[in-house]
Amino acid sequence: MTNKLLWLDDSRDPMKNDWLVFSPIGRNVDTYWVKSYNEFVKWIIENGLPDGICFDHDLGDYKIDKITKQQIHQEKTGMDCAKWLVDYCLDNKLQIPKYSIQSSNPSGKENIGSLLENYKKFFIKE
């Protein structure tokens, strides 16, 4: 049976430009490309956890706040997906799948990685 990779990214096609270099489970995998929080959640609920997940942080459109001049995401981000994943794994007493983060957003990448590593550190299987 081929391993399953869930690729979360709104713009990068995992089958082009060698993006599978980010796969935490290798390149010879069945790859499922989801582009939003809702697609991510739906895929896992319908299929269970994949063997590996690749995270992007910035999903979809954003606007610039007129006062702070910071980006405000119109849609949920890869961090929202990671938080949902942690809750799902906690509720079902599951370990986080192998993962990597291909996001070009440095702080988003760090936040997702910290969240998932902290879960892995404190996960106790009953």
PDB file of N, CA and C in Angstrom:
ATOM      1  N   MET A   1       0.841  -1.179   0.000  1.00  0.00           N
ATOM      2  CA  MET A   1       0.000   0.000   0.000  1.00  0.00           C
ATOM      3  C   MET A   1       0.891   1.250   0.000  1.00  0.00           C
ATOM      4  N   THR A   2       0.550   2.199  -0.831  1.00  0.00           N
ATOM      5  CA  THR A   2       1.322   3.435  -0.948  1.00  0.00           C
ATOM      6  C   THR A   2       0.953   4.401   0.174  1.00  0.00           C
ATOM      7  N   ASN A   3       1.954   5.076   0.705  1.00  0.00           N
ATOM      8  CA  ASN A   3       1.705   6.074   1.742  1.00  0.00           C
ATOM      9  C   ASN A   3       0.932   7.256   1.180  1.00  0.00           C
ATOM     10  N   LYS A   4       0.161   7.899   2.059  1.00  0.00           N
ATOM     11  CA  LYS A   4      -0.657   9.051   1.666  1.00  0.00           C
ATOM     12  C   LYS A   4      -0.052  10.332   2.218  1.00  0.00           C
ATOM     13  N   LEU A   5       0.103  11.306   1.326  1.00  0.00           N
ATOM     14  CA  LEU A   5       0.590  12.634   1.698  1.00  0.00           C
ATOM     15  C   LEU A   5      -0.528  13.637   1.479  1.00  0.00           C
ATOM     16  N   LEU A   6      -0.853  14.386   2.515  1.00  0.00           N
ATOM     17  CA  LEU A   6      -1.826  15.468   2.393  1.00  0.00           C
ATOM     18  C   LEU A   6      -1.039  16.763   2.209  1.00  0.00           C
ATOM     19  N   TRP A   7      -1.235  17.411   1.058  1.00  0.00           N
ATOM     20  CA  TRP A   7      -0.500  18.620   0.684  1.00  0.00           C
ATOM     21  C   TRP A   7      -1.439  19.812   0.855  1.00  0.00           C
ATOM     22  N   LEU A   8      -1.171  20.651   1.846  1.00  0.00           N
ATOM     23  CA  LEU A   8      -1.983  21.838   2.117  1.00  0.00           C
ATOM     24  C   LEU A   8      -1.278  23.062   1.550  1.00  0.00           C
ATOM     25  N   ASP A   9      -1.834  23.624   0.493  1.00  0.00           N
ATOM     26  CA  ASP A   9      -1.233  24.797  -0.126  1.00  0.00           C
ATOM     27  C   ASP A   9      -2.236  25.367  -1.126  1.00  0.00           C
ATOM     28  N   ASP A  10      -2.477  26.654  -1.060  1.00  0.00           N
ATOM     29  CA  ASP A  10      -3.472  27.248  -1.953  1.00  0.00           C
ATOM     30  C   ASP A  10      -2.938  27.505  -3.354  1.00  0.00           C
ATOM     31  N   SER A  11      -1.618  27.494  -3.538  1.00  0.00           N
ATOM     32  CA  SER A  11      -1.094  27.850  -4.863  1.00  0.00           C
ATOM     33  C   SER A  11      -0.043  26.894  -5.416  1.00  0.00           C
ATOM     34  N   ARG A  12       0.757  26.268  -4.596  1.00  0.00           N
ATOM     35  CA  ARG A  12       1.836  25.421  -5.094  1.00  0.00           C
ATOM     36  C   ARG A  12       1.305  24.025  -5.433  1.00  0.00           C
ATOM     37  N   ASP A  13       1.390  23.657  -6.704  1.00  0.00           N
ATOM     38  CA  ASP A  13       0.994  22.320  -7.155  1.00  0.00           C
ATOM     39  C   ASP A  13       2.106  21.351  -6.743  1.00  0.00           C
ATOM     40  N   PRO A  14       1.788  20.373  -5.896  1.00  0.00           N
ATOM     41  CA  PRO A  14       2.840  19.479  -5.397  1.00  0.00           C
ATOM     42  C   PRO A  14       3.500  18.635  -6.487  1.00  0.00           C
ATOM     43  N   MET A  15       2.861  18.516  -7.633  1.00  0.00           N
ATOM     44  CA  MET A  15       3.401  17.681  -8.702  1.00  0.00           C
ATOM     45  C   MET A  15       4.269  18.476  -9.683  1.00  0.00           C
ATOM     46  N   LYS A  16       4.400  19.773  -9.466  1.00  0.00           N
ATOM     47  CA  LYS A  16       5.217  20.612 -10.349  1.00  0.00           C
ATOM     48  C   LYS A  16       6.393  21.198  -9.580  1.00  0.00           C
ATOM     49  N   ASN A  17       7.437  21.551 -10.288  1.00  0.00           N
ATOM     50  CA  ASN A  17       8.593  22.267  -9.738  1.00  0.00           C
ATOM     51  C   ASN A  17       9.233  21.564  -8.550  1.00  0.00           C
ATOM     52  N   ASP A  18       9.124  20.244  -8.496  1.00  0.00           N
ATOM     53  CA  ASP A  18       9.790  19.448  -7.459  1.00  0.00           C
ATOM     54  C   ASP A  18       9.385  19.833  -6.033  1.00  0.00           C
ATOM     55  N   TRP A  19       8.138  20.256  -5.835  1.00  0.00           N
ATOM     56  CA  TRP A  19       7.688  20.603  -4.487  1.00  0.00           C
ATOM     57  C   TRP A  19       7.685  19.396  -3.553  1.00  0.00           C
ATOM     58  N   LEU A  20       7.616  18.186  -4.103  1.00  0.00           N
ATOM     59  CA  LEU A  20       7.606  16.998  -3.230  1.00  0.00           C
ATOM     60  C   LEU A  20       8.930  16.797  -2.499  1.00  0.00           C
ATOM     61  N   VAL A  21       9.907  17.645  -2.785  1.00  0.00           N
ATOM     62  CA  VAL A  21      11.141  17.627  -2.007  1.00  0.00           C
ATOM     63  C   VAL A  21      10.812  17.880  -0.526  1.00  0.00           C
ATOM     64  N   PHE A  22       9.683  18.536  -0.240  1.00  0.00           N
ATOM     65  CA  PHE A  22       9.272  18.819   1.132  1.00  0.00           C
ATOM     66  C   PHE A  22       8.565  17.643   1.800  1.00  0.00           C
ATOM     67  N   SER A  23       8.226  16.605   1.056  1.00  0.00           N
ATOM     68  CA  SER A  23       7.475  15.488   1.636  1.00  0.00           C
ATOM     69  C   SER A  23       8.261  14.822   2.761  1.00  0.00           C
ATOM     70  N   PRO A  24       7.657  14.696   3.936  1.00  0.00           N
ATOM     71  CA  PRO A  24       8.347  14.037   5.055  1.00  0.00           C
ATOM     72  C   PRO A  24       8.330  12.516   4.935  1.00  0.00           C
ATOM     73  N   ILE A  25       7.651  11.990   3.909  1.00  0.00           N
ATOM     74  CA  ILE A  25       7.542  10.533   3.744  1.00  0.00           C
ATOM     75  C   ILE A  25       8.013  10.083   2.362  1.00  0.00           C
ATOM     76  N   GLY A  26       8.774  10.918   1.679  1.00  0.00           N
ATOM     77  CA  GLY A  26       9.319  10.557   0.380  1.00  0.00           C
ATOM     78  C   GLY A  26       8.448  11.011  -0.776  1.00  0.00           C
ATOM     79  N   ARG A  27       8.913  10.716  -1.978  1.00  0.00           N
ATOM     80  CA  ARG A  27       8.232  11.179  -3.185  1.00  0.00           C
ATOM     81  C   ARG A  27       7.312  10.131  -3.798  1.00  0.00           C
ATOM     82  N   ASN A  28       7.536   8.874  -3.481  1.00  0.00           N
ATOM     83  CA  ASN A  28       6.719   7.805  -4.054  1.00  0.00           C
ATOM     84  C   ASN A  28       5.484   7.611  -3.167  1.00  0.00           C
ATOM     85  N   VAL A  29       4.568   8.575  -3.238  1.00  0.00           N
ATOM     86  CA  VAL A  29       3.392   8.604  -2.374  1.00  0.00           C
ATOM     87  C   VAL A  29       2.159   8.980  -3.188  1.00  0.00           C
ATOM     88  N   ASP A  30       1.002   8.631  -2.654  1.00  0.00           N
ATOM     89  CA  ASP A  30      -0.247   9.154  -3.208  1.00  0.00           C
ATOM     90  C   ASP A  30      -0.437  10.529  -2.587  1.00  0.00           C
ATOM     91  N   THR A  31      -0.496  11.556  -3.423  1.00  0.00           N
ATOM     92  CA  THR A  31      -0.568  12.931  -2.944  1.00  0.00           C
ATOM     93  C   THR A  31      -1.975  13.479  -3.131  1.00  0.00           C
ATOM     94  N   TYR A  32      -2.504  14.070  -2.061  1.00  0.00           N
ATOM     95  CA  TYR A  32      -3.841  14.661  -2.066  1.00  0.00           C
ATOM     96  C   TYR A  32      -3.679  16.150  -1.771  1.00  0.00           C
ATOM     97  N   TRP A  33      -4.040  16.975  -2.744  1.00  0.00           N
ATOM     98  CA  TRP A  33      -3.833  18.419  -2.650  1.00  0.00           C
ATOM     99  C   TRP A  33      -5.108  19.092  -2.164  1.00  0.00           C
ATOM    100  N   VAL A  34      -5.025  19.735  -1.003  1.00  0.00           N
ATOM    101  CA  VAL A  34      -6.131  20.539  -0.482  1.00  0.00           C
ATOM    102  C   VAL A  34      -5.641  21.977  -0.374  1.00  0.00           C
ATOM    103  N   LYS A  35      -6.562  22.927  -0.602  1.00  0.00           N
ATOM    104  CA  LYS A  35      -6.157  24.326  -0.715  1.00  0.00           C
ATOM    105  C   LYS A  35      -6.717  25.228   0.374  1.00  0.00           C
ATOM    106  N   SER A  36      -7.512  24.680   1.292  1.00  0.00           N
ATOM    107  CA  SER A  36      -8.139  25.529   2.313  1.00  0.00           C
ATOM    108  C   SER A  36      -8.334  24.751   3.606  1.00  0.00           C
ATOM    109  N   TYR A  37      -8.638  25.483   4.653  1.00  0.00           N
ATOM    110  CA  TYR A  37      -8.944  24.888   5.952  1.00  0.00           C
ATOM    111  C   TYR A  37     -10.092  23.896   5.825  1.00  0.00           C
ATOM    112  N   ASN A  38     -11.174  24.301   5.169  1.00  0.00           N
ATOM    113  CA  ASN A  38     -12.339  23.426   5.046  1.00  0.00           C
ATOM    114  C   ASN A  38     -12.018  22.144   4.297  1.00  0.00           C
ATOM    115  N   GLU A  39     -11.231  22.224   3.230  1.00  0.00           N
ATOM    116  CA  GLU A  39     -10.841  21.027   2.489  1.00  0.00           C
ATOM    117  C   GLU A  39      -9.946  20.125   3.343  1.00  0.00           C
ATOM    118  N   PHE A  40      -9.055  20.733   4.119  1.00  0.00           N
ATOM    119  CA  PHE A  40      -8.146  19.993   5.006  1.00  0.00           C
ATOM    120  C   PHE A  40      -8.947  19.181   6.024  1.00  0.00           C
ATOM    121  N   VAL A  41      -9.855  19.856   6.715  1.00  0.00           N
ATOM    122  CA  VAL A  41     -10.673  19.206   7.739  1.00  0.00           C
ATOM    123  C   VAL A  41     -11.525  18.099   7.110  1.00  0.00           C
ATOM    124  N   LYS A  42     -12.173  18.404   6.017  1.00  0.00           N
ATOM    125  CA  LYS A  42     -13.038  17.428   5.351  1.00  0.00           C
ATOM    126  C   LYS A  42     -12.248  16.192   4.936  1.00  0.00           C
ATOM    127  N   TRP A  43     -11.059  16.389   4.366  1.00  0.00           N
ATOM    128  CA  TRP A  43     -10.269  15.255   3.901  1.00  0.00           C
ATOM    129  C   TRP A  43      -9.935  14.322   5.070  1.00  0.00           C
ATOM    130  N   ILE A  44      -9.482  14.878   6.192  1.00  0.00           N
ATOM    131  CA  ILE A  44      -9.101  14.043   7.339  1.00  0.00           C
ATOM    132  C   ILE A  44     -10.325  13.359   7.953  1.00  0.00           C
ATOM    133  N   ILE A  45     -11.421  14.073   8.070  1.00  0.00           N
ATOM    134  CA  ILE A  45     -12.633  13.448   8.629  1.00  0.00           C
ATOM    135  C   ILE A  45     -13.083  12.283   7.750  1.00  0.00           C
ATOM    136  N   GLU A  46     -13.011  12.449   6.444  1.00  0.00           N
ATOM    137  CA  GLU A  46     -13.480  11.406   5.521  1.00  0.00           C
ATOM    138  C   GLU A  46     -12.480  10.268   5.333  1.00  0.00           C
ATOM    139  N   ASN A  47     -11.180  10.540   5.484  1.00  0.00           N
ATOM    140  CA  ASN A  47     -10.153   9.550   5.156  1.00  0.00           C
ATOM    141  C   ASN A  47      -9.275   9.126   6.321  1.00  0.00           C
ATOM    142  N   GLY A  48      -9.384   9.791   7.455  1.00  0.00           N
ATOM    143  CA  GLY A  48      -8.470   9.523   8.560  1.00  0.00           C
ATOM    144  C   GLY A  48      -7.153  10.254   8.345  1.00  0.00           C
ATOM    145  N   LEU A  49      -6.237  10.055   9.277  1.00  0.00           N
ATOM    146  CA  LEU A  49      -4.950  10.738   9.164  1.00  0.00           C
ATOM    147  C   LEU A  49      -4.127  10.164   8.021  1.00  0.00           C
ATOM    148  N   PRO A  50      -3.468  11.039   7.260  1.00  0.00           N
ATOM    149  CA  PRO A  50      -2.542  10.560   6.229  1.00  0.00           C
ATOM    150  C   PRO A  50      -1.233  10.146   6.905  1.00  0.00           C
ATOM    151  N   ASP A  51      -0.327   9.588   6.128  1.00  0.00           N
ATOM    152  CA  ASP A  51       0.985   9.223   6.656  1.00  0.00           C
ATOM    153  C   ASP A  51       1.876  10.451   6.841  1.00  0.00           C
ATOM    154  N   GLY A  52       1.623  11.481   6.039  1.00  0.00           N
ATOM    155  CA  GLY A  52       2.401  12.704   6.117  1.00  0.00           C
ATOM    156  C   GLY A  52       1.578  13.899   5.681  1.00  0.00           C
ATOM    157  N   ILE A  53       1.952  15.073   6.192  1.00  0.00           N
ATOM    158  CA  ILE A  53       1.273  16.322   5.839  1.00  0.00           C
ATOM    159  C   ILE A  53       2.324  17.379   5.536  1.00  0.00           C
ATOM    160  N   CYS A  54       2.107  18.136   4.463  1.00  0.00           N
ATOM    161  CA  CYS A  54       2.920  19.311   4.153  1.00  0.00           C
ATOM    162  C   CYS A  54       2.043  20.540   4.340  1.00  0.00           C
ATOM    163  N   PHE A  55       2.511  21.467   5.165  1.00  0.00           N
ATOM    164  CA  PHE A  55       1.743  22.658   5.512  1.00  0.00           C
ATOM    165  C   PHE A  55       2.259  23.910   4.811  1.00  0.00           C
ATOM    166  N   ASP A  56       1.324  24.694   4.297  1.00  0.00           N
ATOM    167  CA  ASP A  56       1.579  26.082   3.919  1.00  0.00           C
ATOM    168  C   ASP A  56       0.892  26.911   5.000  1.00  0.00           C
ATOM    169  N   HIS A  57       1.350  28.109   5.251  1.00  0.00           N
ATOM    170  CA  HIS A  57       0.686  28.945   6.255  1.00  0.00           C
ATOM    171  C   HIS A  57      -0.375  29.841   5.635  1.00  0.00           C
ATOM    172  N   ASP A  58       0.019  30.650   4.672  1.00  0.00           N
ATOM    173  CA  ASP A  58      -0.885  31.654   4.104  1.00  0.00           C
ATOM    174  C   ASP A  58      -1.773  31.015   3.046  1.00  0.00           C
ATOM    175  N   LEU A  59      -3.030  30.860   3.368  1.00  0.00           N
ATOM    176  CA  LEU A  59      -3.993  30.250   2.453  1.00  0.00           C
ATOM    177  C   LEU A  59      -4.976  31.311   1.988  1.00  0.00           C
ATOM    178  N   GLY A  60      -5.125  31.459   0.707  1.00  0.00           N
ATOM    179  CA  GLY A  60      -6.132  32.373   0.182  1.00  0.00           C
ATOM    180  C   GLY A  60      -5.738  33.829   0.284  1.00  0.00           C
ATOM    181  N   ASP A  61      -6.753  34.652   0.165  1.00  0.00           N
ATOM    182  CA  ASP A  61      -6.557  36.094   0.101  1.00  0.00           C
ATOM    183  C   ASP A  61      -6.348  36.714   1.477  1.00  0.00           C
ATOM    184  N   TYR A  62      -5.727  37.872   1.447  1.00  0.00           N
ATOM    185  CA  TYR A  62      -5.574  38.665   2.663  1.00  0.00           C
ATOM    186  C   TYR A  62      -5.739  40.129   2.302  1.00  0.00           C
ATOM    187  N   LYS A  63      -5.979  40.934   3.313  1.00  0.00           N
ATOM    188  CA  LYS A  63      -6.041  42.378   3.105  1.00  0.00           C
ATOM    189  C   LYS A  63      -5.062  43.030   4.066  1.00  0.00           C
ATOM    190  N   ILE A  64      -4.736  44.274   3.828  1.00  0.00           N
ATOM    191  CA  ILE A  64      -3.831  45.028   4.688  1.00  0.00           C
ATOM    192  C   ILE A  64      -4.670  45.904   5.624  1.00  0.00           C
ATOM    193  N   ASP A  65      -4.432  45.754   6.928  1.00  0.00           N
ATOM    194  CA  ASP A  65      -5.123  46.577   7.917  1.00  0.00           C
ATOM    195  C   ASP A  65      -4.670  48.028   7.735  1.00  0.00           C
ATOM    196  N   LYS A  66      -5.621  48.948   7.617  1.00  0.00           N
ATOM    197  CA  LYS A  66      -5.299  50.362   7.339  1.00  0.00           C
ATOM    198  C   LYS A  66      -4.540  51.025   8.477  1.00  0.00           C
ATOM    199  N   ILE A  67      -4.751  50.558   9.695  1.00  0.00           N
ATOM    200  CA  ILE A  67      -4.097  51.185  10.843  1.00  0.00           C
ATOM    201  C   ILE A  67      -2.737  50.554  11.127  1.00  0.00           C
ATOM    202  N   THR A  68      -2.688  49.240  11.261  1.00  0.00           N
ATOM    203  CA  THR A  68      -1.438  48.572  11.627  1.00  0.00           C
ATOM    204  C   THR A  68      -0.552  48.240  10.431  1.00  0.00           C
ATOM    205  N   LYS A  69      -1.123  48.290   9.218  1.00  0.00           N
ATOM    206  CA  LYS A  69      -0.402  47.959   7.981  1.00  0.00           C
ATOM    207  C   LYS A  69       0.037  46.489   7.956  1.00  0.00           C
ATOM    208  N   GLN A  70      -0.588  45.631   8.763  1.00  0.00           N
ATOM    209  CA  GLN A  70      -0.270  44.208   8.782  1.00  0.00           C
ATOM    210  C   GLN A  70      -1.278  43.438   7.942  1.00  0.00           C
ATOM    211  N   GLN A  71      -0.853  42.262   7.484  1.00  0.00           N
ATOM    212  CA  GLN A  71      -1.736  41.408   6.707  1.00  0.00           C
ATOM    213  C   GLN A  71      -2.816  40.813   7.611  1.00  0.00           C
ATOM    214  N   ILE A  72      -4.038  40.819   7.139  1.00  0.00           N
ATOM    215  CA  ILE A  72      -5.139  40.146   7.820  1.00  0.00           C
ATOM    216  C   ILE A  72      -5.670  39.119   6.830  1.00  0.00           C
ATOM    217  N   HIS A  73      -5.608  37.867   7.226  1.00  0.00           N
ATOM    218  CA  HIS A  73      -6.042  36.800   6.330  1.00  0.00           C
ATOM    219  C   HIS A  73      -7.558  36.732   6.282  1.00  0.00           C
ATOM    220  N   GLN A  74      -8.080  36.673   5.073  1.00  0.00           N
ATOM    221  CA  GLN A  74      -9.516  36.575   4.858  1.00  0.00           C
ATOM    222  C   GLN A  74      -9.995  35.151   5.161  1.00  0.00           C
ATOM    223  N   GLU A  75      -9.122  34.194   4.989  1.00  0.00           N
ATOM    224  CA  GLU A  75      -9.451  32.798   5.214  1.00  0.00           C
ATOM    225  C   GLU A  75      -8.598  32.267   6.351  1.00  0.00           C
ATOM    226  N   LYS A  76      -8.988  31.102   6.855  1.00  0.00           N
ATOM    227  CA  LYS A  76      -8.176  30.466   7.890  1.00  0.00           C
ATOM    228  C   LYS A  76      -6.843  30.063   7.281  1.00  0.00           C
ATOM    229  N   THR A  77      -5.834  29.997   8.124  1.00  0.00           N
ATOM    230  CA  THR A  77      -4.460  29.741   7.686  1.00  0.00           C
ATOM    231  C   THR A  77      -4.044  28.293   7.955  1.00  0.00           C
ATOM    232  N   GLY A  78      -2.828  27.987   7.553  1.00  0.00           N
ATOM    233  CA  GLY A  78      -2.251  26.688   7.878  1.00  0.00           C
ATOM    234  C   GLY A  78      -2.121  26.495   9.377  1.00  0.00           C
ATOM    235  N   MET A  79      -1.944  27.586  10.125  1.00  0.00           N
ATOM    236  CA  MET A  79      -1.886  27.485  11.588  1.00  0.00           C
ATOM    237  C   MET A  79      -3.239  27.032  12.126  1.00  0.00           C
ATOM    238  N   ASP A  80      -4.322  27.532  11.558  1.00  0.00           N
ATOM    239  CA  ASP A  80      -5.655  27.072  11.960  1.00  0.00           C
ATOM    240  C   ASP A  80      -5.804  25.573  11.689  1.00  0.00           C
ATOM    241  N   CYS A  81      -5.270  25.123  10.558  1.00  0.00           N
ATOM    242  CA  CYS A  81      -5.310  23.694  10.232  1.00  0.00           C
ATOM    243  C   CYS A  81      -4.504  22.892  11.252  1.00  0.00           C
ATOM    244  N   ALA A  82      -3.333  23.396  11.614  1.00  0.00           N
ATOM    245  CA  ALA A  82      -2.491  22.700  12.593  1.00  0.00           C
ATOM    246  C   ALA A  82      -3.194  22.630  13.954  1.00  0.00           C
ATOM    247  N   LYS A  83      -3.842  23.718  14.361  1.00  0.00           N
ATOM    248  CA  LYS A  83      -4.583  23.710  15.635  1.00  0.00           C
ATOM    249  C   LYS A  83      -5.717  22.695  15.589  1.00  0.00           C
ATOM    250  N   TRP A  84      -6.441  22.652  14.464  1.00  0.00           N
ATOM    251  CA  TRP A  84      -7.524  21.678  14.334  1.00  0.00           C
ATOM    252  C   TRP A  84      -6.962  20.261  14.410  1.00  0.00           C
ATOM    253  N   LEU A  85      -5.827  20.033  13.742  1.00  0.00           N
ATOM    254  CA  LEU A  85      -5.195  18.721  13.734  1.00  0.00           C
ATOM    255  C   LEU A  85      -4.819  18.285  15.150  1.00  0.00           C
ATOM    256  N   VAL A  86      -4.251  19.185  15.933  1.00  0.00           N
ATOM    257  CA  VAL A  86      -3.888  18.871  17.318  1.00  0.00           C
ATOM    258  C   VAL A  86      -5.140  18.492  18.113  1.00  0.00           C
ATOM    259  N   ASP A  87      -6.214  19.261  17.971  1.00  0.00           N
ATOM    260  CA  ASP A  87      -7.460  18.932  18.676  1.00  0.00           C
ATOM    261  C   ASP A  87      -7.995  17.573  18.238  1.00  0.00           C
ATOM    262  N   TYR A  88      -7.951  17.305  16.940  1.00  0.00           N
ATOM    263  CA  TYR A  88      -8.427  16.027  16.404  1.00  0.00           C
ATOM    264  C   TYR A  88      -7.602  14.876  16.986  1.00  0.00           C
ATOM    265  N   CYS A  89      -6.292  15.048  17.015  1.00  0.00           N
ATOM    266  CA  CYS A  89      -5.419  14.000  17.545  1.00  0.00           C
ATOM    267  C   CYS A  89      -5.613  13.828  19.051  1.00  0.00           C
ATOM    268  N   LEU A  90      -5.790  14.920  19.775  1.00  0.00           N
ATOM    269  CA  LEU A  90      -6.070  14.823  21.213  1.00  0.00           C
ATOM    270  C   LEU A  90      -7.368  14.057  21.462  1.00  0.00           C
ATOM    271  N   ASP A  91      -8.414  14.442  20.748  1.00  0.00           N
ATOM    272  CA  ASP A  91      -9.734  13.808  20.923  1.00  0.00           C
ATOM    273  C   ASP A  91      -9.706  12.321  20.604  1.00  0.00           C
ATOM    274  N   ASN A  92      -8.869  11.932  19.652  1.00  0.00           N
ATOM    275  CA  ASN A  92      -8.827  10.541  19.200  1.00  0.00           C
ATOM    276  C   ASN A  92      -7.601   9.774  19.697  1.00  0.00           C
ATOM    277  N   LYS A  93      -6.817  10.421  20.580  1.00  0.00           N
ATOM    278  CA  LYS A  93      -5.608   9.823  21.153  1.00  0.00           C
ATOM    279  C   LYS A  93      -4.663   9.305  20.064  1.00  0.00           C
ATOM    280  N   LEU A  94      -4.374  10.183  19.109  1.00  0.00           N
ATOM    281  CA  LEU A  94      -3.524   9.844  17.975  1.00  0.00           C
ATOM    282  C   LEU A  94      -2.264  10.692  17.964  1.00  0.00           C
ATOM    283  N   GLN A  95      -1.214  10.135  17.416  1.00  0.00           N
ATOM    284  CA  GLN A  95       0.023  10.881  17.216  1.00  0.00           C
ATOM    285  C   GLN A  95      -0.112  11.727  15.949  1.00  0.00           C
ATOM    286  N   ILE A  96       0.548  12.873  15.940  1.00  0.00           N
ATOM    287  CA  ILE A  96       0.600  13.732  14.752  1.00  0.00           C
ATOM    288  C   ILE A  96       1.357  12.968  13.656  1.00  0.00           C
ATOM    289  N   PRO A  97       0.847  12.978  12.419  1.00  0.00           N
ATOM    290  CA  PRO A  97       1.605  12.338  11.328  1.00  0.00           C
ATOM    291  C   PRO A  97       2.931  13.066  11.091  1.00  0.00           C
ATOM    292  N   LYS A  98       3.835  12.421  10.393  1.00  0.00           N
ATOM    293  CA  LYS A  98       5.069  13.100   9.979  1.00  0.00           C
ATOM    294  C   LYS A  98       4.655  14.325   9.176  1.00  0.00           C
ATOM    295  N   TYR A  99       5.398  15.384   9.291  1.00  0.00           N
ATOM    296  CA  TYR A  99       5.005  16.619   8.610  1.00  0.00           C
ATOM    297  C   TYR A  99       6.223  17.429   8.200  1.00  0.00           C
ATOM    298  N   SER A 100       5.975  18.360   7.294  1.00  0.00           N
ATOM    299  CA  SER A 100       6.947  19.396   6.964  1.00  0.00           C
ATOM    300  C   SER A 100       6.159  20.655   6.637  1.00  0.00           C
ATOM    301  N   ILE A 101       6.873  21.763   6.533  1.00  0.00           N
ATOM    302  CA  ILE A 101       6.218  23.049   6.317  1.00  0.00           C
ATOM    303  C   ILE A 101       6.945  23.753   5.172  1.00  0.00           C
ATOM    304  N   GLN A 102       6.236  23.931   4.057  1.00  0.00           N
ATOM    305  CA  GLN A 102       6.847  24.553   2.878  1.00  0.00           C
ATOM    306  C   GLN A 102       6.504  26.035   2.760  1.00  0.00           C
ATOM    307  N   SER A 103       5.929  26.606   3.793  1.00  0.00           N
ATOM    308  CA  SER A 103       5.501  28.003   3.757  1.00  0.00           C
ATOM    309  C   SER A 103       6.681  28.947   3.596  1.00  0.00           C
ATOM    310  N   SER A 104       6.461  30.015   2.855  1.00  0.00           N
ATOM    311  CA  SER A 104       7.498  31.047   2.723  1.00  0.00           C
ATOM    312  C   SER A 104       7.302  32.153   3.759  1.00  0.00           C
ATOM    313  N   ASN A 105       6.342  31.970   4.665  1.00  0.00           N
ATOM    314  CA  ASN A 105       6.096  32.918   5.754  1.00  0.00           C
ATOM    315  C   ASN A 105       6.891  32.426   6.970  1.00  0.00           C
ATOM    316  N   PRO A 106       8.019  33.089   7.308  1.00  0.00           N
ATOM    317  CA  PRO A 106       8.892  32.589   8.377  1.00  0.00           C
ATOM    318  C   PRO A 106       8.205  32.466   9.741  1.00  0.00           C
ATOM    319  N   SER A 107       7.443  33.470  10.141  1.00  0.00           N
ATOM    320  CA  SER A 107       6.803  33.379  11.461  1.00  0.00           C
ATOM    321  C   SER A 107       5.674  32.356  11.453  1.00  0.00           C
ATOM    322  N   GLY A 108       4.940  32.257  10.336  1.00  0.00           N
ATOM    323  CA  GLY A 108       3.899  31.249  10.230  1.00  0.00           C
ATOM    324  C   GLY A 108       4.485  29.850  10.294  1.00  0.00           C
ATOM    325  N   LYS A 109       5.600  29.657   9.608  1.00  0.00           N
ATOM    326  CA  LYS A 109       6.291  28.371   9.603  1.00  0.00           C
ATOM    327  C   LYS A 109       6.746  28.004  11.012  1.00  0.00           C
ATOM    328  N   GLU A 110       7.330  28.957  11.705  1.00  0.00           N
ATOM    329  CA  GLU A 110       7.811  28.720  13.074  1.00  0.00           C
ATOM    330  C   GLU A 110       6.651  28.401  14.019  1.00  0.00           C
ATOM    331  N   ASN A 111       5.541  29.117  13.884  1.00  0.00           N
ATOM    332  CA  ASN A 111       4.395  28.880  14.763  1.00  0.00           C
ATOM    333  C   ASN A 111       3.797  27.492  14.563  1.00  0.00           C
ATOM    334  N   ILE A 112       3.637  27.082  13.315  1.00  0.00           N
ATOM    335  CA  ILE A 112       3.100  25.748  13.036  1.00  0.00           C
ATOM    336  C   ILE A 112       4.049  24.682  13.599  1.00  0.00           C
ATOM    337  N   GLY A 113       5.326  24.832  13.325  1.00  0.00           N
ATOM    338  CA  GLY A 113       6.315  23.866  13.809  1.00  0.00           C
ATOM    339  C   GLY A 113       6.337  23.772  15.321  1.00  0.00           C
ATOM    340  N   SER A 114       6.276  24.904  16.007  1.00  0.00           N
ATOM    341  CA  SER A 114       6.292  24.903  17.476  1.00  0.00           C
ATOM    342  C   SER A 114       5.069  24.200  18.040  1.00  0.00           C
ATOM    343  N   LEU A 115       3.904  24.492  17.480  1.00  0.00           N
ATOM    344  CA  LEU A 115       2.674  23.860  17.949  1.00  0.00           C
ATOM    345  C   LEU A 115       2.750  22.338  17.801  1.00  0.00           C
ATOM    346  N   LEU A 116       3.132  21.875  16.623  1.00  0.00           N
ATOM    347  CA  LEU A 116       3.160  20.435  16.373  1.00  0.00           C
ATOM    348  C   LEU A 116       4.249  19.733  17.180  1.00  0.00           C
ATOM    349  N   GLU A 117       5.399  20.363  17.323  1.00  0.00           N
ATOM    350  CA  GLU A 117       6.473  19.761  18.125  1.00  0.00           C
ATOM    351  C   GLU A 117       6.083  19.680  19.598  1.00  0.00           C
ATOM    352  N   ASN A 118       5.411  20.704  20.115  1.00  0.00           N
ATOM    353  CA  ASN A 118       4.962  20.665  21.509  1.00  0.00           C
ATOM    354  C   ASN A 118       3.962  19.539  21.723  1.00  0.00           C
ATOM    355  N   TYR A 119       3.054  19.340  20.772  1.00  0.00           N
ATOM    356  CA  TYR A 119       2.109  18.234  20.897  1.00  0.00           C
ATOM    357  C   TYR A 119       2.862  16.904  20.921  1.00  0.00           C
ATOM    358  N   LYS A 120       3.808  16.738  19.992  1.00  0.00           N
ATOM    359  CA  LYS A 120       4.572  15.491  19.929  1.00  0.00           C
ATOM    360  C   LYS A 120       5.343  15.245  21.228  1.00  0.00           C
ATOM    361  N   LYS A 121       5.868  16.318  21.807  1.00  0.00           N
ATOM    362  CA  LYS A 121       6.662  16.208  23.025  1.00  0.00           C
ATOM    363  C   LYS A 121       5.831  15.705  24.202  1.00  0.00           C
ATOM    364  N   PHE A 122       4.581  16.124  24.270  1.00  0.00           N
ATOM    365  CA  PHE A 122       3.759  15.820  25.440  1.00  0.00           C
ATOM    366  C   PHE A 122       2.704  14.757  25.173  1.00  0.00           C
ATOM    367  N   PHE A 123       2.692  14.209  23.964  1.00  0.00           N
ATOM    368  CA  PHE A 123       1.708  13.184  23.627  1.00  0.00           C
ATOM    369  C   PHE A 123       2.003  11.911  24.399  1.00  0.00           C
ATOM    370  N   ILE A 124       0.980  11.407  25.078  1.00  0.00           N
ATOM    371  CA  ILE A 124       1.112  10.143  25.803  1.00  0.00           C
ATOM    372  C   ILE A 124       0.010   9.224  25.310  1.00  0.00           C
ATOM    373  N   LYS A 125       0.414   8.104  24.750  1.00  0.00           N
ATOM    374  CA  LYS A 125      -0.562   7.148  24.249  1.00  0.00           C
ATOM    375  C   LYS A 125      -1.046   6.281  25.411  1.00  0.00           C
ATOM    376  N   GLU A 126      -2.361   6.201  25.543  1.00  0.00           N
ATOM    377  CA  GLU A 126      -2.914   5.400  26.649  1.00  0.00           C
ATOM    378  C   GLU A 126      -3.080   3.962  26.237  1.00  0.00           C
TER     379      GLU A 126
END
